[in-house]
Amino acid sequence: MEDILREGLKELGLTVSEDQLKDFRSYYTILEARSKVMNLTAIHGEADTARLHFLDCAALLTMEDFHGRSVIDVGTGAGFPGLPLRILEPQMELTLLDSLAKRVDFLSEVCEALGYADVTCLHARAEEASDLRESFDIALSRAVARLDLLSELCLPLVKVGGVFLAMKGPGCSEELEEARHAIEVLGGEPEVLTYAIPGTNLNHCVVRIRKVKETPEKYPRRWAKMQKTPI
């Protein structure tokens, strides 16, 4: 796994220390152990985890400067993309948010094992976290929901001038067109960035949404309302 990470990060133009590689190893070990008793990830094994989780997430560091920034990972699940980014960029202020208590307990266990006392693991629903409104420089989300719904969950959390990075699969143009009106209403301006995952033939995209104005106070709405009547 370490060799895959070294080569893959080099291909992305990123550096990694031996201590950071040890943190990836510790994270992987806990993830594999806990995945045997709870639903954390469908991806298993050192090679696939290194490429399809760790390197996939690390690619965000080529698209945005995370140094000294406040970051929230919405619907983080097993910690993706937030924790791999925190391993590689320790000078970021990270909040991991998930609606399932068991996953938040897992994240707390990982952060304790890695000595990441500065990472906040928060059990909450994004649409109900009104105290976090417009608190972050960067919001992240990876494969949580359709982009129109994701934008309503995440853009209210971002400061004006900040960004929301939505990680998507190999094609996202149709989804972006569906969400374009919602993004505008919520105060965002989108662009699509593409990247290749090192060591694979996969190309993924990130919808990078710059927050250019405040989100209207009535958003976000309740989840059921979002699903029933998207913006």
C-alpha atoms as a PDB file:
ATOM      1  CA  MET A   1       0.000   0.000   0.000  1.00  0.00           C
ATOM      2  CA  GLU A   2       2.782   2.418   0.882  1.00  0.00           C
ATOM      3  CA  ASP A   3       4.439   2.049  -2.528  1.00  0.00           C
ATOM      4  CA  ILE A   4       1.119   2.634  -4.295  1.00  0.00           C
ATOM      5  CA  LEU A   5       0.585   5.793  -2.270  1.00  0.00           C
ATOM      6  CA  ARG A   6       4.113   7.081  -2.852  1.00  0.00           C
ATOM      7  CA  GLU A   7       3.893   6.612  -6.610  1.00  0.00           C
ATOM      8  CA  GLY A   8       0.306   7.791  -6.895  1.00  0.00           C
ATOM      9  CA  LEU A   9       0.867  10.947  -4.859  1.00  0.00           C
ATOM     10  CA  LYS A  10       3.994  11.692  -6.879  1.00  0.00           C
ATOM     11  CA  GLU A  11       1.906  11.407 -10.043  1.00  0.00           C
ATOM     12  CA  LEU A  12      -0.534  13.927  -8.559  1.00  0.00           C
ATOM     13  CA  GLY A  13       2.374  16.246  -7.785  1.00  0.00           C
ATOM     14  CA  LEU A  14       2.016  15.733  -4.034  1.00  0.00           C
ATOM     15  CA  THR A  15       4.580  14.738  -1.417  1.00  0.00           C
ATOM     16  CA  VAL A  16       4.136  12.359   1.494  1.00  0.00           C
ATOM     17  CA  SER A  17       6.256  11.727   4.577  1.00  0.00           C
ATOM     18  CA  GLU A  18       6.914   8.420   6.292  1.00  0.00           C
ATOM     19  CA  ASP A  19       4.800   9.565   9.253  1.00  0.00           C
ATOM     20  CA  GLN A  20       1.901  10.310   6.915  1.00  0.00           C
ATOM     21  CA  LEU A  21       2.254   6.870   5.341  1.00  0.00           C
ATOM     22  CA  LYS A  22       2.076   5.374   8.844  1.00  0.00           C
ATOM     23  CA  ASP A  23      -1.156   7.310   9.427  1.00  0.00           C
ATOM     24  CA  PHE A  24      -2.628   5.928   6.193  1.00  0.00           C
ATOM     25  CA  ARG A  25      -1.638   2.424   7.346  1.00  0.00           C
ATOM     26  CA  SER A  26      -3.286   2.919  10.759  1.00  0.00           C
ATOM     27  CA  TYR A  27      -6.431   4.326   9.139  1.00  0.00           C
ATOM     28  CA  TYR A  28      -6.600   1.381   6.750  1.00  0.00           C
ATOM     29  CA  THR A  29      -6.133  -1.166   9.547  1.00  0.00           C
ATOM     30  CA  ILE A  30      -8.983   0.254  11.629  1.00  0.00           C
ATOM     31  CA  LEU A  31     -11.216   0.647   8.555  1.00  0.00           C
ATOM     32  CA  GLU A  32     -10.738  -2.984   7.527  1.00  0.00           C
ATOM     33  CA  ALA A  33     -11.348  -4.267  11.046  1.00  0.00           C
ATOM     34  CA  ARG A  34     -14.515  -2.227  11.619  1.00  0.00           C
ATOM     35  CA  SER A  35     -15.890  -2.950   8.136  1.00  0.00           C
ATOM     36  CA  LYS A  36     -16.264  -6.586   9.171  1.00  0.00           C
ATOM     37  CA  VAL A  37     -18.948  -5.631  11.689  1.00  0.00           C
ATOM     38  CA  MET A  38     -20.505  -2.471  10.200  1.00  0.00           C
ATOM     39  CA  ASN A  39     -21.225  -1.070   6.755  1.00  0.00           C
ATOM     40  CA  LEU A  40     -18.408   1.424   6.147  1.00  0.00           C
ATOM     41  CA  THR A  41     -17.130   0.728   2.631  1.00  0.00           C
ATOM     42  CA  ALA A  42     -17.621  -1.645  -0.283  1.00  0.00           C
ATOM     43  CA  ILE A  43     -13.947  -1.264  -1.212  1.00  0.00           C
ATOM     44  CA  HIS A  44     -11.523  -3.634   0.523  1.00  0.00           C
ATOM     45  CA  GLY A  45      -7.880  -4.658   0.300  1.00  0.00           C
ATOM     46  CA  GLU A  46      -4.745  -2.547   0.401  1.00  0.00           C
ATOM     47  CA  ALA A  47      -4.402  -1.808  -3.312  1.00  0.00           C
ATOM     48  CA  ASP A  48      -8.029  -0.847  -3.955  1.00  0.00           C
ATOM     49  CA  THR A  49      -8.279   1.182  -0.750  1.00  0.00           C
ATOM     50  CA  ALA A  50      -5.058   3.029  -1.585  1.00  0.00           C
ATOM     51  CA  ARG A  51      -6.181   3.895  -5.102  1.00  0.00           C
ATOM     52  CA  LEU A  52      -9.976   4.145  -4.972  1.00  0.00           C
ATOM     53  CA  HIS A  53     -10.215   5.841  -1.581  1.00  0.00           C
ATOM     54  CA  PHE A  54      -6.946   7.482  -0.531  1.00  0.00           C
ATOM     55  CA  LEU A  55      -5.615   8.656  -3.906  1.00  0.00           C
ATOM     56  CA  ASP A  56      -9.069   9.550  -5.192  1.00  0.00           C
ATOM     57  CA  CYS A  57      -9.563  11.843  -2.210  1.00  0.00           C
ATOM     58  CA  ALA A  58      -6.010  13.209  -2.348  1.00  0.00           C
ATOM     59  CA  ALA A  59      -6.680  14.542  -5.847  1.00  0.00           C
ATOM     60  CA  LEU A  60      -8.674  17.396  -4.266  1.00  0.00           C
ATOM     61  CA  LEU A  61      -5.388  18.861  -3.027  1.00  0.00           C
ATOM     62  CA  THR A  62      -4.510  19.596  -6.658  1.00  0.00           C
ATOM     63  CA  MET A  63      -7.679  21.676  -7.071  1.00  0.00           C
ATOM     64  CA  GLU A  64      -7.832  23.805  -3.940  1.00  0.00           C
ATOM     65  CA  ASP A  65      -5.500  25.142  -1.264  1.00  0.00           C
ATOM     66  CA  PHE A  66      -6.514  23.548   2.054  1.00  0.00           C
ATOM     67  CA  HIS A  67      -3.671  25.046   4.106  1.00  0.00           C
ATOM     68  CA  GLY A  68      -5.060  26.973   7.080  1.00  0.00           C
ATOM     69  CA  ARG A  69      -8.639  26.602   5.843  1.00  0.00           C
ATOM     70  CA  SER A  70     -11.745  25.570   7.774  1.00  0.00           C
ATOM     71  CA  VAL A  71     -13.239  22.495   6.089  1.00  0.00           C
ATOM     72  CA  ILE A  72     -16.416  20.471   6.593  1.00  0.00           C
ATOM     73  CA  ASP A  73     -16.929  17.015   5.060  1.00  0.00           C
ATOM     74  CA  VAL A  74     -20.701  16.501   4.743  1.00  0.00           C
ATOM     75  CA  GLY A  75     -21.975  12.936   4.892  1.00  0.00           C
ATOM     76  CA  THR A  76     -18.409  11.781   5.437  1.00  0.00           C
ATOM     77  CA  GLY A  77     -19.276   8.127   6.118  1.00  0.00           C
ATOM     78  CA  ALA A  78     -15.984   6.333   6.731  1.00  0.00           C
ATOM     79  CA  GLY A  79     -14.107   9.646   6.558  1.00  0.00           C
ATOM     80  CA  PHE A  80     -13.870  10.263   2.827  1.00  0.00           C
ATOM     81  CA  PRO A  81     -12.629  12.607   1.546  1.00  0.00           C
ATOM     82  CA  GLY A  82     -11.856  14.500   4.757  1.00  0.00           C
ATOM     83  CA  LEU A  83      -9.458  12.216   6.611  1.00  0.00           C
ATOM     84  CA  PRO A  84      -7.047  11.463   3.723  1.00  0.00           C
ATOM     85  CA  LEU A  85      -6.862  15.222   3.117  1.00  0.00           C
ATOM     86  CA  ARG A  86      -6.140  15.850   6.809  1.00  0.00           C
ATOM     87  CA  ILE A  87      -3.354  13.256   6.773  1.00  0.00           C
ATOM     88  CA  LEU A  88      -1.681  15.021   3.853  1.00  0.00           C
ATOM     89  CA  GLU A  89      -2.448  18.597   4.946  1.00  0.00           C
ATOM     90  CA  PRO A  90      -2.219  18.836   8.752  1.00  0.00           C
ATOM     91  CA  GLN A  91      -2.672  22.619   8.688  1.00  0.00           C
ATOM     92  CA  MET A  92      -6.393  22.485   8.023  1.00  0.00           C
ATOM     93  CA  GLU A  93      -9.294  22.753  10.470  1.00  0.00           C
ATOM     94  CA  LEU A  94     -11.494  19.734   9.737  1.00  0.00           C
ATOM     95  CA  THR A  95     -15.046  18.885  10.768  1.00  0.00           C
ATOM     96  CA  LEU A  96     -16.395  15.447   9.832  1.00  0.00           C
ATOM     97  CA  LEU A  97     -20.204  15.451   9.786  1.00  0.00           C
ATOM     98  CA  ASP A  98     -22.431  12.393   9.505  1.00  0.00           C
ATOM     99  CA  SER A  99     -26.014  11.584  10.435  1.00  0.00           C
ATOM    100  CA  LEU A 100     -25.261   8.068  11.737  1.00  0.00           C
ATOM    101  CA  ALA A 101     -23.889   7.839  15.276  1.00  0.00           C
ATOM    102  CA  LYS A 102     -22.034   4.556  14.652  1.00  0.00           C
ATOM    103  CA  ARG A 103     -20.051   6.117  11.831  1.00  0.00           C
ATOM    104  CA  VAL A 104     -19.202   9.129  13.967  1.00  0.00           C
ATOM    105  CA  ASP A 105     -17.998   6.766  16.714  1.00  0.00           C
ATOM    106  CA  PHE A 106     -15.768   5.061  14.146  1.00  0.00           C
ATOM    107  CA  LEU A 107     -14.359   8.411  13.008  1.00  0.00           C
ATOM    108  CA  SER A 108     -13.659   9.401  16.604  1.00  0.00           C
ATOM    109  CA  GLU A 109     -11.793   6.121  17.082  1.00  0.00           C
ATOM    110  CA  VAL A 110      -9.652   6.765  14.001  1.00  0.00           C
ATOM    111  CA  CYS A 111      -8.872  10.340  15.024  1.00  0.00           C
ATOM    112  CA  GLU A 112      -7.901   9.223  18.514  1.00  0.00           C
ATOM    113  CA  ALA A 113      -5.624   6.514  17.096  1.00  0.00           C
ATOM    114  CA  LEU A 114      -3.955   9.034  14.783  1.00  0.00           C
ATOM    115  CA  GLY A 115      -3.643  11.682  17.474  1.00  0.00           C
ATOM    116  CA  TYR A 116      -5.866  14.125  15.588  1.00  0.00           C
ATOM    117  CA  ALA A 117      -7.372  15.896  18.580  1.00  0.00           C
ATOM    118  CA  ASP A 118      -8.055  18.949  16.417  1.00  0.00           C
ATOM    119  CA  VAL A 119     -10.542  17.127  14.140  1.00  0.00           C
ATOM    120  CA  THR A 120     -14.213  17.560  15.096  1.00  0.00           C
ATOM    121  CA  CYS A 121     -16.418  14.480  14.573  1.00  0.00           C
ATOM    122  CA  LEU A 122     -20.010  15.687  14.574  1.00  0.00           C
ATOM    123  CA  HIS A 123     -23.191  13.622  14.691  1.00  0.00           C
ATOM    124  CA  ALA A 124     -25.800  15.768  12.938  1.00  0.00           C
ATOM    125  CA  ARG A 125     -27.823  16.268   9.781  1.00  0.00           C
ATOM    126  CA  ALA A 126     -26.446  19.024   7.585  1.00  0.00           C
ATOM    127  CA  GLU A 127     -29.853  20.621   7.036  1.00  0.00           C
ATOM    128  CA  GLU A 128     -30.373  20.892  10.797  1.00  0.00           C
ATOM    129  CA  ALA A 129     -26.936  22.299  11.691  1.00  0.00           C
ATOM    130  CA  SER A 130     -28.024  25.946  11.691  1.00  0.00           C
ATOM    131  CA  ASP A 131     -25.244  26.895  14.117  1.00  0.00           C
ATOM    132  CA  LEU A 132     -22.694  26.006  11.406  1.00  0.00           C
ATOM    133  CA  ARG A 133     -24.219  28.274   8.773  1.00  0.00           C
ATOM    134  CA  GLU A 134     -21.622  30.070   6.616  1.00  0.00           C
ATOM    135  CA  SER A 135     -18.817  28.939   8.972  1.00  0.00           C
ATOM    136  CA  PHE A 136     -16.462  27.167   6.562  1.00  0.00           C
ATOM    137  CA  ASP A 137     -14.014  28.075   3.821  1.00  0.00           C
ATOM    138  CA  ILE A 138     -14.534  24.724   2.102  1.00  0.00           C
ATOM    139  CA  ALA A 139     -17.338  22.145   2.122  1.00  0.00           C
ATOM    140  CA  LEU A 140     -16.765  18.654   0.717  1.00  0.00           C
ATOM    141  CA  SER A 141     -19.019  15.804  -0.266  1.00  0.00           C
ATOM    142  CA  ARG A 142     -18.360  12.496  -1.970  1.00  0.00           C
ATOM    143  CA  ALA A 143     -21.134  10.416  -3.549  1.00  0.00           C
ATOM    144  CA  VAL A 144     -23.839  11.398  -1.063  1.00  0.00           C
ATOM    145  CA  ALA A 145     -26.781  12.572  -3.201  1.00  0.00           C
ATOM    146  CA  ARG A 146     -27.739  14.300  -6.443  1.00  0.00           C
ATOM    147  CA  LEU A 147     -26.006  17.608  -6.964  1.00  0.00           C
ATOM    148  CA  ASP A 148     -29.112  19.771  -6.612  1.00  0.00           C
ATOM    149  CA  LEU A 149     -29.808  18.254  -3.183  1.00  0.00           C
ATOM    150  CA  LEU A 150     -26.135  18.296  -2.189  1.00  0.00           C
ATOM    151  CA  SER A 151     -25.896  21.977  -3.041  1.00  0.00           C
ATOM    152  CA  GLU A 152     -28.805  22.783  -0.745  1.00  0.00           C
ATOM    153  CA  LEU A 153     -27.152  20.814   2.056  1.00  0.00           C
ATOM    154  CA  CYS A 154     -23.643  22.169   1.609  1.00  0.00           C
ATOM    155  CA  LEU A 155     -23.661  25.689   0.198  1.00  0.00           C
ATOM    156  CA  PRO A 156     -25.398  27.191   3.270  1.00  0.00           C
ATOM    157  CA  LEU A 157     -22.403  26.004   5.336  1.00  0.00           C
ATOM    158  CA  VAL A 158     -19.870  27.870   3.173  1.00  0.00           C
ATOM    159  CA  LYS A 159     -18.733  31.445   3.710  1.00  0.00           C
ATOM    160  CA  VAL A 160     -19.105  33.887   0.841  1.00  0.00           C
ATOM    161  CA  GLY A 161     -15.832  33.582  -1.060  1.00  0.00           C
ATOM    162  CA  GLY A 162     -15.450  29.922  -0.095  1.00  0.00           C
ATOM    163  CA  VAL A 163     -16.043  26.806  -2.191  1.00  0.00           C
ATOM    164  CA  PHE A 164     -18.049  23.603  -2.233  1.00  0.00           C
ATOM    165  CA  LEU A 165     -16.276  20.640  -3.844  1.00  0.00           C
ATOM    166  CA  ALA A 166     -18.665  17.860  -4.884  1.00  0.00           C
ATOM    167  CA  MET A 167     -16.851  14.666  -5.893  1.00  0.00           C
ATOM    168  CA  LYS A 168     -18.659  12.826  -8.669  1.00  0.00           C
ATOM    169  CA  GLY A 169     -18.023   9.876 -10.958  1.00  0.00           C
ATOM    170  CA  PRO A 170     -16.784   9.823 -14.546  1.00  0.00           C
ATOM    171  CA  GLY A 171     -19.618  11.930 -15.977  1.00  0.00           C
ATOM    172  CA  CYS A 172     -21.424  14.767 -14.261  1.00  0.00           C
ATOM    173  CA  SER A 173     -22.478  17.206 -17.009  1.00  0.00           C
ATOM    174  CA  GLU A 174     -26.122  16.077 -17.015  1.00  0.00           C
ATOM    175  CA  GLU A 175     -26.299  16.237 -13.214  1.00  0.00           C
ATOM    176  CA  LEU A 176     -24.778  19.718 -13.238  1.00  0.00           C
ATOM    177  CA  GLU A 177     -27.316  20.972 -15.770  1.00  0.00           C
ATOM    178  CA  GLU A 178     -30.100  19.599 -13.563  1.00  0.00           C
ATOM    179  CA  ALA A 179     -28.623  21.437 -10.565  1.00  0.00           C
ATOM    180  CA  ARG A 180     -27.556  24.688 -12.227  1.00  0.00           C
ATOM    181  CA  HIS A 181     -30.670  26.652 -11.213  1.00  0.00           C
ATOM    182  CA  ALA A 182     -30.446  25.447  -7.600  1.00  0.00           C
ATOM    183  CA  ILE A 183     -26.771  26.386  -7.411  1.00  0.00           C
ATOM    184  CA  GLU A 184     -27.517  29.902  -8.643  1.00  0.00           C
ATOM    185  CA  VAL A 185     -30.384  30.360  -6.168  1.00  0.00           C
ATOM    186  CA  LEU A 186     -28.168  29.143  -3.324  1.00  0.00           C
ATOM    187  CA  GLY A 187     -25.433  31.648  -4.174  1.00  0.00           C
ATOM    188  CA  GLY A 188     -22.976  29.544  -6.150  1.00  0.00           C
ATOM    189  CA  GLU A 189     -21.134  29.586  -9.470  1.00  0.00           C
ATOM    190  CA  PRO A 190     -20.054  26.106 -10.708  1.00  0.00           C
ATOM    191  CA  GLU A 191     -17.275  24.713 -12.847  1.00  0.00           C
ATOM    192  CA  VAL A 192     -16.284  21.122 -13.606  1.00  0.00           C
ATOM    193  CA  LEU A 193     -12.763  19.816 -13.007  1.00  0.00           C
ATOM    194  CA  THR A 194     -11.627  16.362 -14.127  1.00  0.00           C
ATOM    195  CA  TYR A 195      -8.795  14.147 -12.913  1.00  0.00           C
ATOM    196  CA  ALA A 196      -7.385  10.659 -13.349  1.00  0.00           C
ATOM    197  CA  ILE A 197      -6.956   8.372 -10.346  1.00  0.00           C
ATOM    198  CA  PRO A 198      -3.302   7.240 -10.403  1.00  0.00           C
ATOM    199  CA  GLY A 199      -2.774   3.558 -11.086  1.00  0.00           C
ATOM    200  CA  THR A 200      -6.225   3.131 -12.663  1.00  0.00           C
ATOM    201  CA  ASN A 201      -7.962   3.886 -15.957  1.00  0.00           C
ATOM    202  CA  LEU A 202     -10.628   5.880 -14.114  1.00  0.00           C
ATOM    203  CA  ASN A 203     -11.375   9.526 -14.723  1.00  0.00           C
ATOM    204  CA  HIS A 204     -13.587  11.322 -12.208  1.00  0.00           C
ATOM    205  CA  CYS A 205     -14.905  14.842 -11.942  1.00  0.00           C
ATOM    206  CA  VAL A 206     -15.338  17.416  -9.216  1.00  0.00           C
ATOM    207  CA  VAL A 207     -17.972  20.124  -9.407  1.00  0.00           C
ATOM    208  CA  ARG A 208     -16.265  23.142  -7.862  1.00  0.00           C
ATOM    209  CA  ILE A 209     -18.843  25.707  -6.743  1.00  0.00           C
ATOM    210  CA  ARG A 210     -17.643  29.132  -5.673  1.00  0.00           C
ATOM    211  CA  LYS A 211     -19.912  30.816  -3.090  1.00  0.00           C
ATOM    212  CA  VAL A 212     -20.421  34.300  -4.532  1.00  0.00           C
ATOM    213  CA  LYS A 213     -23.341  35.515  -2.419  1.00  0.00           C
ATOM    214  CA  GLU A 214     -25.175  34.600   0.771  1.00  0.00           C
ATOM    215  CA  THR A 215     -27.621  31.712   0.679  1.00  0.00           C
ATOM    216  CA  PRO A 216     -31.227  32.852   1.275  1.00  0.00           C
ATOM    217  CA  GLU A 217     -32.297  32.189   4.861  1.00  0.00           C
ATOM    218  CA  LYS A 218     -35.058  29.732   3.896  1.00  0.00           C
ATOM    219  CA  TYR A 219     -32.440  27.215   2.746  1.00  0.00           C
ATOM    220  CA  PRO A 220     -31.710  24.488   3.578  1.00  0.00           C
ATOM    221  CA  ARG A 221     -35.170  23.028   3.949  1.00  0.00           C
ATOM    222  CA  ARG A 222     -36.049  19.712   5.559  1.00  0.00           C
ATOM    223  CA  TRP A 223     -34.697  16.678   3.700  1.00  0.00           C
ATOM    224  CA  ALA A 224     -38.136  15.352   2.747  1.00  0.00           C
ATOM    225  CA  LYS A 225     -39.054  18.758   1.309  1.00  0.00           C
ATOM    226  CA  MET A 226     -35.814  18.893  -0.709  1.00  0.00           C
ATOM    227  CA  GLN A 227     -36.520  15.488  -2.224  1.00  0.00           C
ATOM    228  CA  LYS A 228     -40.157  16.236  -2.954  1.00  0.00           C
ATOM    229  CA  THR A 229     -39.663  19.680  -4.459  1.00  0.00           C
ATOM    230  CA  PRO A 230     -36.063  20.329  -5.555  1.00  0.00           C
ATOM    231  CA  ILE A 231     -35.143  23.936  -6.194  1.00  0.00           C
END
